[in-house]
Amino acid sequence: MYRTGYLAYATARLGTRELAERVVEDSLTALAVRWSATLGCSHPAAAAWRLLAACVDDADGSPACCPEGRVCSGDAHVLRDHLKMDIGRASDLMGLTRGEFLVALHSAGCPADACCGAQQSCDAA
């Protein structure tokens, strides 16, 4: 359902479609392995997004910039400013409400919800 958006984000972050495709496949495989736990999260789409973003960070060599391992404002800027996604599509992709997305877009903070340990490594995928 979100694969196309995930691939666009990963390509924007990583610079090459080939690497982005591999990273998206790895993150979706890791998500499939932990699907039951993800569905038990209060916000499964947000947990899936954090897993994808962590996989992209791993491939990119980006350090984790906040205790939860994600700087959602950077992701929001990639989706909105670089990829020109509308707010509804971008917020859905990240698993955020429109309001949460707008806060992420306009601040350096990130959501406090670190649901279900979504920051696991993608190496197991």
Protein backbone atom coordinates (compact mmCIF):
# COMPACT_ATOMS: atom_id res chain seq x y z
CA MET A 1 0.00 0.00 0.00
CA TYR A 2 2.78 2.46 0.90
CA ARG A 3 5.59 0.86 -1.10
CA THR A 4 5.65 3.58 -3.78
CA GLY A 5 5.92 6.33 -1.18
CA TYR A 6 8.52 4.39 0.79
CA LEU A 7 10.57 3.95 -2.39
CA ALA A 8 10.32 7.66 -3.27
CA TYR A 9 11.48 8.61 0.24
CA ALA A 10 14.34 6.09 0.25
CA THR A 11 15.47 7.19 -3.21
CA ALA A 12 15.44 10.85 -2.13
CA ARG A 13 17.48 10.04 0.96
CA LEU A 14 19.90 7.55 -0.60
CA GLY A 15 20.34 9.03 -4.05
CA THR A 16 20.06 5.81 -6.04
CA ARG A 17 16.97 3.83 -6.90
CA GLU A 18 18.81 0.50 -6.80
CA LEU A 19 19.95 0.97 -3.21
CA ALA A 20 16.55 2.40 -2.26
CA GLU A 21 14.76 -0.66 -3.67
CA ARG A 22 16.99 -2.98 -1.67
CA VAL A 23 16.49 -1.00 1.53
CA VAL A 24 12.70 -0.86 1.08
CA GLU A 25 12.59 -4.61 0.43
CA ASP A 26 14.75 -5.25 3.50
CA SER A 27 12.53 -3.05 5.68
CA LEU A 28 9.34 -4.67 4.37
CA THR A 29 10.82 -8.11 5.04
CA ALA A 30 11.75 -7.05 8.58
CA LEU A 31 8.25 -5.66 9.02
CA ALA A 32 6.70 -8.93 7.83
CA VAL A 33 8.73 -10.87 10.39
CA ARG A 34 7.38 -8.66 13.17
CA TRP A 35 3.92 -8.05 11.70
CA SER A 36 1.99 -9.40 14.70
CA ALA A 37 3.87 -7.12 17.08
CA THR A 38 3.44 -4.16 14.73
CA LEU A 39 -0.31 -4.72 14.55
CA GLY A 40 -0.36 -4.62 18.34
CA CYS A 41 1.07 -1.10 18.31
CA SER A 42 -1.21 1.86 18.86
CA HIS A 43 -0.03 3.28 15.52
CA PRO A 44 1.16 0.47 13.19
CA ALA A 45 1.82 2.79 10.24
CA ALA A 46 4.08 4.96 12.43
CA ALA A 47 5.98 1.89 13.63
CA ALA A 48 6.40 0.73 10.01
CA TRP A 49 7.64 4.20 9.03
CA ARG A 50 10.18 4.27 11.85
CA LEU A 51 11.46 0.87 10.79
CA LEU A 52 11.84 2.07 7.18
CA ALA A 53 13.52 5.30 8.27
CA ALA A 54 15.92 3.36 10.52
CA CYS A 55 16.82 1.10 7.58
CA VAL A 56 17.44 4.15 5.39
CA ASP A 57 19.56 5.68 8.15
CA ASP A 58 21.59 2.46 8.37
CA ALA A 59 22.16 2.42 4.60
CA ASP A 60 22.94 6.15 4.58
CA GLY A 61 25.25 5.98 7.57
CA SER A 62 23.18 8.67 9.32
CA PRO A 63 23.49 8.78 13.09
CA ALA A 64 20.39 8.59 15.26
CA CYS A 65 19.66 12.19 16.23
CA CYS A 66 17.13 11.84 19.05
CA PRO A 67 16.51 9.30 21.82
CA GLU A 68 13.85 7.55 19.73
CA GLY A 69 16.29 7.34 16.82
CA ARG A 70 14.33 9.53 14.41
CA VAL A 71 14.20 13.20 13.57
CA CYS A 72 10.74 13.26 12.08
CA SER A 73 11.06 16.89 11.02
CA GLY A 74 13.73 15.83 8.52
CA ASP A 75 11.51 13.07 7.15
CA ALA A 76 8.58 15.46 6.92
CA HIS A 77 10.72 17.92 4.97
CA VAL A 78 11.86 15.23 2.54
CA LEU A 79 8.27 14.19 1.85
CA ARG A 80 6.75 17.66 1.67
CA ASP A 81 9.53 19.89 0.33
CA HIS A 82 11.65 17.54 -1.77
CA LEU A 83 9.03 15.08 -3.02
CA LYS A 84 6.18 17.64 -3.04
CA MET A 85 3.72 15.23 -1.41
CA ASP A 86 0.48 16.73 -0.19
CA ILE A 87 0.11 16.87 3.58
CA GLY A 88 -2.52 14.12 3.70
CA ARG A 89 -0.43 11.62 1.75
CA ALA A 90 2.76 12.45 3.63
CA SER A 91 1.14 12.21 7.05
CA ASP A 92 -0.49 8.88 6.13
CA LEU A 93 2.86 7.55 4.93
CA MET A 94 4.56 8.47 8.20
CA GLY A 95 1.63 7.19 10.27
CA LEU A 96 0.94 10.61 11.74
CA THR A 97 -2.19 12.72 11.98
CA ARG A 98 -2.18 15.84 9.82
CA GLY A 99 -1.56 17.91 12.95
CA GLU A 100 1.35 15.74 14.07
CA PHE A 101 2.83 15.96 10.59
CA LEU A 102 2.55 19.75 10.56
CA VAL A 103 4.24 19.95 13.96
CA ALA A 104 7.04 17.67 12.69
CA LEU A 105 7.34 19.78 9.55
CA HIS A 106 7.68 23.01 11.50
CA SER A 107 9.85 21.89 14.40
CA ALA A 108 13.01 20.02 15.19
CA GLY A 109 11.20 17.68 17.59
CA CYS A 110 10.01 14.16 17.06
CA PRO A 111 7.04 12.17 18.41
CA ALA A 112 7.54 10.67 21.84
CA ASP A 113 5.87 7.37 20.87
CA ALA A 114 8.61 4.77 20.34
CA CYS A 115 6.06 2.02 19.85
CA CYS A 116 7.14 -1.57 19.86
CA GLY A 117 10.88 -1.04 19.42
CA ALA A 118 10.66 -0.13 15.74
CA GLN A 119 14.31 0.86 15.73
CA GLN A 120 15.58 -2.69 15.35
CA SER A 121 18.36 -3.24 12.86
CA CYS A 122 17.54 -4.26 9.31
CA ASP A 123 20.47 -6.65 9.14
CA ALA A 124 18.23 -9.54 10.14
CA ALA A 125 16.06 -9.03 7.07
